[in-house]
Structures are given as C-alpha cells and as structure tokens.
Protein backbone atom coordinates (compact mmCIF):
# COMPACT_ATOMS: atom_id res chain seq x y z
CA MET A 1 105.35 -23.45 -80.23
CA GLU A 2 107.70 -22.62 -77.37
CA SER A 3 106.05 -21.54 -74.13
CA LYS A 4 106.81 -18.02 -72.93
CA TYR A 5 106.62 -16.93 -69.32
CA LEU A 6 105.29 -13.42 -68.85
CA THR A 7 104.93 -10.95 -66.00
CA ALA A 8 101.44 -9.53 -65.44
CA ASP A 9 101.31 -5.85 -64.49
CA ILE A 10 98.12 -5.57 -62.44
CA SER A 11 98.50 -1.78 -62.14
CA HIS A 12 98.38 -1.31 -65.91
CA LYS A 13 95.64 0.90 -67.30
CA PRO A 14 95.07 1.68 -70.97
CA ARG A 15 97.11 4.54 -72.40
CA ALA A 16 96.01 6.90 -75.13
CA GLN A 17 98.00 5.07 -77.80
CA GLU A 18 96.54 1.67 -76.91
CA ALA A 19 93.43 0.43 -78.67
CA THR A 20 90.44 0.16 -76.36
CA ILE A 21 87.16 -1.53 -77.25
CA TYR A 22 83.95 -1.15 -75.24
CA GLN A 23 81.37 -3.90 -75.56
CA ASP A 24 78.45 -5.06 -73.37
CA GLY A 25 79.70 -3.61 -70.09
CA THR A 26 83.34 -4.53 -70.75
CA ARG A 27 86.49 -2.76 -71.87
CA TRP A 28 89.12 -4.62 -73.87
CA TYR A 29 92.75 -3.58 -74.30
CA ALA A 30 96.23 -5.12 -74.39
CA TYR A 31 99.73 -4.44 -73.13
CA PHE A 32 103.11 -6.16 -73.38
CA ASP A 33 105.74 -7.61 -71.09
CA ALA A 34 108.96 -5.72 -71.90
CA GLU A 35 110.79 -9.03 -72.42
CA PHE A 36 108.27 -10.21 -75.01
CA PRO A 37 107.16 -7.17 -77.05
CA LYS A 38 105.37 -9.32 -79.63
CA ASP A 39 103.20 -11.30 -77.20
CA PRO A 40 100.21 -9.22 -76.07
CA ILE A 41 98.60 -9.66 -72.70
CA THR A 42 94.89 -9.24 -73.35
CA THR A 43 93.01 -7.43 -70.61
CA ILE A 44 89.23 -7.44 -70.12
CA GLU A 45 87.69 -5.03 -67.64
CA TYR A 46 84.21 -5.92 -66.38
CA PHE A 47 82.55 -2.93 -64.76
CA GLN A 48 78.86 -3.87 -64.86
CA LEU A 49 78.76 -7.28 -63.24
CA PRO A 50 75.35 -7.49 -61.49
CA TRP A 51 76.74 -9.63 -58.66
CA LEU A 52 79.59 -7.15 -57.98
CA PRO A 53 77.90 -3.72 -57.88
CA GLY A 54 80.37 -0.96 -57.11
CA TYR A 55 83.42 -2.95 -58.21
CA LYS A 56 85.27 -3.86 -61.39
CA LYS A 57 87.00 -7.10 -62.28
CA ILE A 58 90.06 -6.87 -64.52
CA VAL A 59 91.18 -10.13 -66.13
CA HIS A 60 94.73 -10.43 -67.52
CA ASN A 61 95.06 -13.22 -70.11
CA ALA A 62 98.28 -14.74 -71.42
CA ASN A 63 97.63 -15.81 -75.00
CA GLY A 64 98.55 -18.98 -76.87
CA GLN A 65 101.15 -21.11 -75.12
CA SER A 66 102.25 -18.22 -72.88
CA LYS A 67 101.90 -18.38 -69.11
CA PHE A 68 102.34 -15.93 -66.26
CA LYS A 69 105.38 -16.72 -64.15
CA ASP A 70 104.76 -13.83 -61.75
CA MET A 71 103.08 -10.44 -61.39
CA LYS A 72 103.93 -6.91 -60.31
CA PHE A 73 102.14 -3.82 -59.06
CA LYS A 74 103.67 -0.44 -59.94
CA GLY A 75 107.04 -2.06 -60.46
CA THR A 76 107.03 -4.11 -57.24
CA SER A 77 106.90 -7.89 -57.50
CA ILE A 78 103.97 -9.70 -55.85
CA GLU A 79 104.62 -13.15 -54.45
CA LEU A 80 101.59 -15.42 -54.20
CA ILE A 81 101.29 -19.10 -53.41
CA HIS A 82 100.01 -21.14 -56.39
CA ALA A 83 100.45 -18.13 -58.69
CA HIS A 84 103.12 -19.48 -61.05
CA TYR A 85 102.65 -20.75 -64.61
CA ILE A 86 99.00 -19.82 -64.98
CA SER A 87 97.20 -18.22 -67.92
CA THR A 88 94.68 -15.96 -66.13
CA ILE A 89 94.93 -13.45 -63.28
CA SER A 90 91.91 -11.42 -62.12
CA VAL A 91 92.14 -8.27 -60.02
CA TYR A 92 89.24 -6.57 -58.23
CA TYR A 93 89.12 -2.79 -57.76
CA TRP A 94 86.54 -0.34 -56.47
CA ASN A 95 84.86 1.49 -59.36
CA GLY A 96 85.91 4.82 -57.88
CA ASP A 97 89.58 3.85 -58.00
CA THR A 98 90.18 5.20 -61.49
CA GLY A 99 93.94 5.33 -60.93
CA TYR A 100 94.13 1.59 -60.16
CA ASP A 101 95.91 2.53 -56.92
CA HIS A 102 94.39 0.02 -54.51
CA PRO A 103 93.84 -3.54 -55.76
CA LEU A 104 91.52 -5.17 -53.24
CA ILE A 105 91.59 -8.85 -54.18
CA ILE A 106 93.65 -10.95 -56.60
CA GLN A 107 92.25 -14.17 -58.03
CA VAL A 108 94.60 -16.76 -59.53
CA GLY A 109 93.01 -18.67 -62.39
CA GLU A 110 89.49 -19.76 -61.49
CA GLY A 111 90.46 -20.64 -57.95
CA SER A 112 92.20 -19.01 -55.00
CA TYR A 113 91.69 -15.44 -53.81
CA TYR A 114 94.29 -13.26 -52.07
CA ALA A 115 94.04 -9.99 -50.14
CA LYS A 116 96.11 -7.66 -47.99
CA GLU A 117 94.44 -7.61 -44.58
CA ASN A 118 94.90 -5.59 -41.39
CA GLY A 119 97.38 -3.22 -43.01
CA ASP A 120 99.74 -6.07 -43.87
CA SER A 121 102.01 -5.55 -46.87
CA HIS A 122 101.83 -9.24 -47.81
CA TRP A 123 99.02 -10.90 -49.73
CA SER A 124 97.27 -13.63 -47.73
CA LEU A 125 95.42 -16.60 -49.15
CA LEU A 126 91.65 -16.34 -48.65
CA GLY A 127 90.68 -19.54 -50.38
CA LYS A 128 87.64 -19.91 -52.61
CA MET A 129 84.54 -17.74 -52.21
CA ASP A 130 81.10 -17.53 -53.77
CA ASN A 131 79.85 -14.24 -55.24
CA HIS A 132 78.16 -13.07 -52.04
CA ALA A 133 81.20 -13.74 -49.87
CA LEU A 134 83.38 -12.00 -52.45
CA LEU A 135 81.18 -8.89 -52.41
CA MET A 136 81.17 -8.74 -48.61
CA LYS A 137 84.95 -9.07 -48.53
CA LEU A 138 85.38 -6.34 -51.12
CA ASP A 139 83.17 -4.04 -49.03
CA GLU A 140 85.28 -4.73 -45.96
CA LEU A 141 88.58 -4.10 -47.75
CA ASN A 142 87.25 -1.04 -49.57
CA CYS A 143 86.46 0.70 -46.28
CA GLY A 144 90.11 0.58 -45.31
CA ALA A 145 91.86 0.92 -48.68
CA ASN A 146 89.77 3.73 -50.20
CA ASP A 147 87.81 5.14 -47.23
CA ALA A 148 84.71 4.23 -49.23
CA HIS A 149 81.67 3.11 -47.26
CA ILE A 150 78.20 1.62 -47.65
CA VAL A 151 75.30 4.07 -48.06
CA ASP A 152 71.80 2.73 -47.42
CA ILE A 153 69.02 4.79 -49.03
CA CYS A 154 66.49 2.81 -47.02
CA GLN A 155 67.50 4.95 -44.03
CA VAL A 156 65.23 7.97 -43.64
CA SER A 157 66.00 9.48 -40.23
CA GLY A 158 68.94 10.04 -37.94
CA ASN A 159 72.55 9.05 -38.50
CA TYR A 160 73.76 5.51 -39.09
CA MET A 161 76.99 3.53 -39.38
CA CYS A 162 78.58 1.93 -42.43
CA GLN A 163 77.29 -1.63 -42.20
CA SER A 164 80.56 -3.09 -43.48
CA CYS A 165 83.16 -1.62 -41.09
CA ASN A 166 80.76 -0.22 -38.45
CA ASN A 167 83.37 2.47 -37.73
CA VAL A 168 82.31 5.39 -39.95
CA GLN A 169 79.17 7.42 -39.36
CA ILE A 170 76.94 8.54 -42.20
CA SER A 171 74.89 11.63 -41.42
CA LEU A 172 71.39 11.94 -42.80
CA THR A 173 69.28 15.05 -43.26
CA CYS A 174 65.96 15.60 -45.01
CA ASP A 175 64.81 18.67 -46.91
CA VAL A 176 61.23 18.93 -48.13
CA PHE A 177 60.45 21.26 -51.03
CA ARG A 178 56.95 22.42 -51.86
CA VAL A 179 56.39 24.07 -55.25
CA ALA A 180 52.77 25.10 -55.87
CA CYS A 181 50.72 21.99 -55.08
CA SER A 182 53.61 19.55 -55.51
CA GLU A 183 56.08 18.35 -52.93
CA PHE A 184 59.23 16.23 -52.88
CA CYS A 185 61.89 15.25 -50.35
CA MET A 186 65.67 15.29 -50.63
CA TYR A 187 67.59 12.94 -48.32
CA THR A 188 71.28 13.79 -48.03
CA HIS A 189 73.58 10.95 -46.95
CA HIS A 190 77.04 12.31 -46.06
CA VAL A 191 80.02 10.05 -45.35
CA LYS A 192 82.17 11.77 -42.76
CA ASN A 193 85.87 11.72 -43.72
CA GLY A 194 85.24 9.30 -46.57
CA HIS A 195 83.50 8.53 -49.84
CA VAL A 196 80.31 6.89 -51.04
CA GLY A 197 81.49 3.35 -51.79
CA ARG A 198 78.56 1.09 -52.62
CA THR A 199 74.87 2.02 -52.44
CA ILE A 200 72.20 -0.32 -51.13
CA GLU A 201 68.50 -0.20 -50.25
CA GLY A 202 68.08 -2.45 -47.26
CA HIS A 203 69.46 -5.80 -48.39
CA VAL A 204 69.29 -4.95 -52.11
CA SER A 205 72.30 -3.64 -54.06
CA LEU A 206 71.58 -0.76 -56.42
CA LEU A 207 72.86 -1.22 -59.97
CA GLY A 208 73.93 1.37 -62.55
CA LEU A 209 75.29 3.97 -60.12
CA GLU A 210 78.85 5.24 -60.51
CA ALA A 211 81.47 6.03 -57.89
CA SER A 212 84.24 8.56 -57.39
CA LYS A 213 86.79 9.69 -54.83
CA ASN A 214 85.33 13.18 -55.30
CA ASP A 215 82.01 12.12 -53.83
CA SER A 216 81.26 12.12 -50.10
CA SER A 217 77.50 12.79 -50.33
CA LEU A 218 74.58 11.04 -51.97
CA TYR A 219 71.31 12.91 -52.64
CA VAL A 220 68.13 10.84 -52.88
CA PHE A 221 64.91 12.44 -54.13
CA CYS A 222 61.57 11.01 -53.06
CA TYR A 223 58.26 11.83 -54.76
CA LYS A 224 54.90 10.58 -53.48
CA GLY A 225 56.68 8.05 -51.29
CA PHE A 226 58.96 6.67 -54.03
CA LYS A 227 62.71 7.20 -54.32
CA LEU A 228 63.10 7.98 -58.03
CA LEU A 229 66.19 10.16 -58.47
CA ILE A 230 69.77 10.12 -57.13
CA SER A 231 72.45 12.79 -57.49
CA MET A 232 76.21 12.41 -56.95
CA GLN A 233 79.34 14.55 -57.40
CA LEU A 234 81.51 12.28 -59.49
CA PHE A 235 84.09 14.34 -61.36
CA SER A 236 84.50 17.66 -59.54
CA ILE A 237 82.99 19.69 -56.75
CA LEU A 238 81.22 21.85 -59.35
CA THR A 239 79.38 19.16 -61.31
CA TYR A 240 76.62 16.75 -60.38
CA GLU A 241 75.43 13.60 -62.12
CA PHE A 242 71.84 12.39 -61.85
CA PHE A 243 70.47 8.85 -62.07
CA THR A 244 66.82 7.89 -62.56
CA ARG A 245 65.20 4.69 -61.35
CA ASN A 246 64.17 2.32 -64.12
CA ALA A 247 61.16 1.03 -62.20
CA VAL A 248 59.43 2.22 -59.03
CA TYR A 249 60.61 -0.78 -57.01
CA GLY A 250 63.58 -1.74 -59.20
CA GLU A 251 67.25 -1.89 -58.25
CA THR A 252 68.57 -0.59 -61.60
CA TRP A 253 69.30 3.10 -62.20
CA THR A 254 70.24 4.95 -65.41
CA LYS A 255 72.48 7.98 -65.73
CA MET A 256 70.77 11.04 -67.22
CA THR A 257 72.44 12.29 -70.39
CA SER A 258 69.98 15.06 -71.26
CA LEU A 259 67.47 17.31 -69.47
CA SER A 260 69.47 16.80 -66.29
CA PRO A 261 69.18 19.21 -63.32
CA LYS A 262 72.24 21.35 -62.65
CA ASN A 263 72.55 20.51 -58.96
CA PRO A 264 70.49 19.12 -56.03
CA TYR A 265 68.86 22.52 -55.54
CA ASP A 266 67.66 22.97 -59.12
CA ILE A 267 64.20 22.31 -57.76
CA TYR A 268 62.11 23.06 -60.87
CA LYS A 269 64.14 20.68 -63.02
CA ILE A 270 64.19 18.09 -60.26
CA LEU A 271 60.42 18.24 -59.85
CA ASP A 272 59.91 17.91 -63.60
CA THR A 273 62.29 14.94 -63.65
CA LEU A 274 60.53 13.25 -60.74
CA LYS A 275 57.16 13.68 -62.43
CA ARG A 276 58.50 12.33 -65.70
CA VAL A 277 59.98 9.26 -63.99
CA ALA A 278 56.72 8.77 -62.11
CA GLY A 279 54.78 8.86 -65.38
CA GLU A 280 53.31 12.33 -64.92
CA SER A 281 53.65 14.76 -67.83
CA ASP A 282 52.63 17.93 -66.02
CA ASP A 283 55.25 20.70 -66.12
CA ALA A 284 56.07 22.49 -62.89
CA HIS A 285 56.22 25.98 -64.42
CA SER A 286 52.89 25.69 -66.24
CA ARG A 287 51.28 24.26 -63.14
CA MET A 288 52.47 27.21 -61.05
CA LYS A 289 51.04 29.64 -63.59
CA ARG A 290 47.73 27.78 -63.62
CA PHE A 291 47.43 28.12 -59.86
CA GLY A 292 48.30 31.83 -59.95
CA ILE A 293 51.45 31.51 -57.87
CA SER A 294 53.12 34.34 -59.84
CA ALA A 295 50.58 36.73 -58.33
CA LEU A 296 52.51 36.48 -55.08
CA ILE A 297 55.47 38.39 -56.54
CA GLY A 298 56.58 41.12 -54.21
CA ALA A 299 55.29 39.43 -51.09
CA GLY A 300 57.77 39.87 -48.29
CA LEU A 301 59.39 37.10 -46.31
CA ALA A 302 56.76 35.62 -44.01
CA CYS A 303 57.07 32.87 -41.49
CA ILE A 304 54.10 30.69 -40.55
CA ILE A 305 54.68 28.25 -37.74
CA MET A 306 52.58 25.15 -38.30
CA THR A 307 52.00 22.14 -36.13
CA LEU A 308 54.16 19.72 -38.13
CA TYR A 309 56.65 21.90 -39.99
CA TYR A 310 58.03 25.35 -40.64
CA LEU A 311 56.88 27.00 -43.84
CA ILE A 312 59.08 29.67 -45.43
CA PRO A 313 57.85 31.48 -48.58
CA VAL A 314 60.82 32.82 -50.54
CA LYS A 315 60.77 34.90 -53.72
CA LYS A 316 62.68 33.34 -56.66
CA ALA A 317 62.45 33.80 -60.43
CA GLY A 318 59.05 35.46 -60.27
CA VAL A 319 57.34 32.82 -58.14
CA VAL A 320 57.11 31.82 -54.53
CA ILE A 321 58.70 28.57 -53.49
CA GLU A 322 57.58 26.94 -50.29
CA SER A 323 60.66 25.35 -48.75
CA VAL A 324 60.02 23.02 -45.84
CA LYS A 325 62.50 21.49 -43.42
CA TYR A 326 61.18 18.49 -41.51
CA MET A 327 62.46 17.76 -38.04
CA LEU A 328 64.54 14.58 -37.82
CA LYS A 329 65.89 15.39 -34.37
CA PRO A 330 65.57 18.66 -32.42
CA LYS A 331 69.29 19.43 -32.87
CA GLU A 332 69.05 18.89 -36.64
CA VAL A 333 66.31 21.47 -37.30
CA LYS A 334 67.47 24.30 -39.51
CA TYR A 335 65.88 26.62 -42.05
CA LEU A 336 66.49 26.36 -45.77
CA THR A 337 66.18 29.50 -47.88
CA MET A 338 66.45 29.64 -51.65
CA GLU A 339 68.17 32.75 -52.96
C-alpha cells in the first residue's frame, strides 16, 4: 500500500455531521485532509486523565500506512523540528477552552513537547517531560493563554496569589449560614480579571470538576469542618453547577444531576445536600418545624452583637434564617441579608 502524507488540523473539533463516540472518559471522532478525502484521521480526546486534571489531551492518528507531513492551526501552518513523517500528534488544551482556541502544548509522537512561550509566535522545543512537569507547564501556560488560574480550596482566610504565575490575586470571603440548629460555611474564591483554571487542595489536585471561561468564582461549602460541596458558573451567568465530594477526604468530585440547589444562596437545598453527603438524613425544613422556628414569623429585624460574630435574623419563606458573617479582616466585614 502506498504511503500517504497528511496534514493534521489541530484546531479541528467535531461537527454536527461527524460521528462522535463517548467511552470511558474519551471522545472519538474523525476528520479528513482535503487532499485525501478517503483517509480518515482518527481523533481521540481524553478529558478525564487523573494525572492531567483540568486539561484535555487530543490525539490525532494517521491510519494505516499514512503519516503526517505537517500540521496546521486554523489554516496557518505550524513548523516544528522532528515533526515530519510521524503517525501521532497530541495537543493539550485547557478543559475550559471549548473553542479549541489556545493549544498549550504539542507533543510529537511519544517524545518531544513544544510550546509557545513568552508571547512568542513560534513553537519552541521543550524536550521530554514526566507527568508532573507536564502539568506544571500547562498551568504556567494556561495563566497567560486563557487567563485561567489555580484556586486552592485549602485557603480559608485572606487573599492569596495564583501559585503558578504568582501575578494574579484570588480574593477569599467567608459567609456562615445558620438555619435552626445547623450551620455551614461558604467560602468564595474569586479570580480577579480571570477564570478558575485548575482547582487544588494544598498539594492535591481535585478530580471531576469542570471548567469554563464563564467562571471567575468558585464556591466551597463546608459542613462540620468538612468541605463537601462546590458550586461553579460553567455555562452562563444565570446557571450554577454543583459538585459533591465522593469521600470526606477524597480528591474526586461528582457533578449533581438531580436535587441540585439553584444557586449558592439556595441555603435550604444546600444544607440538605451537605447533610446527605455527610451521611445525615435529617431534612432542614422538618427540623426547623420541630424546633418551632416558624413561630418567629412576624418578628422584626433585630440585631444582636455577639462577642465572635454578628447575628442577623431575617424573615424568609415563613421561617427565620440566622445569617452570620465571620470577620476575615476588619476591612472585609459586611452584613449579609437574605431577601
């Protein structure tokens, strides 16, 4: 069989008319070089690799005796050393880059890696890297290419810097909600002038979370000292997605597909979710009725200054919610009211 030399289009994404197969954290599809319309280029997208949380690897395969003679990105040719007459090209993107606009790293075969660094338009040879070095490099490049930064849910007070670029500040506030005899905290991590790129907890990468260019804030809900629920704005400013922790100390999270709260301030639903994840079956509404909280209907707005926090009873949906704002720093103290 005669060898054919194809051009890989690393900006290609599956179109509606192209068959797409999802299997075990991968997406399979194919496209064609215009010069060889009968020789498919098989593409496998890996978006759940545990050693590359927050990123996807897209592998372009030339089939049979075919080889790649070169590659292009949105119609522009890419010149790489050692990139001719190979059968596999891998491209790494941030998960939030759904338009495939900013390829971060290109891998030729099983060997050399290339990246555009320091705003350069040319791709430079990086050499070989292990998985950890690859992840660190992707984080570094992602900060510049997508304005997407590292959020650390281990942080619980004050502001902090993205640990990858150390140039972008992430603000952190804490709201404490008390409903009847239950209490939970909401930590809000906000990336100033950027997006939530990859999420970590200390030195541990969190798995199962999604990413989007719509999302600049991450909401972490803590119940009885455990961080059990995360909320993100992934698809629009009007919708929120929630993720529950698979185990109290685990790194894997699962997206909620039913019984999900509407937003980070849907406190009844959030409390019920936290209790369910924590293994408690008690329902927040029934618990409030049992403690006679509904008897406080009609009570006016009262403010009790306590030694450690400010307590604000607010009337909502026939019950009184105690909304507490803890002091992180004097300048960050503000009151939270629920209308």
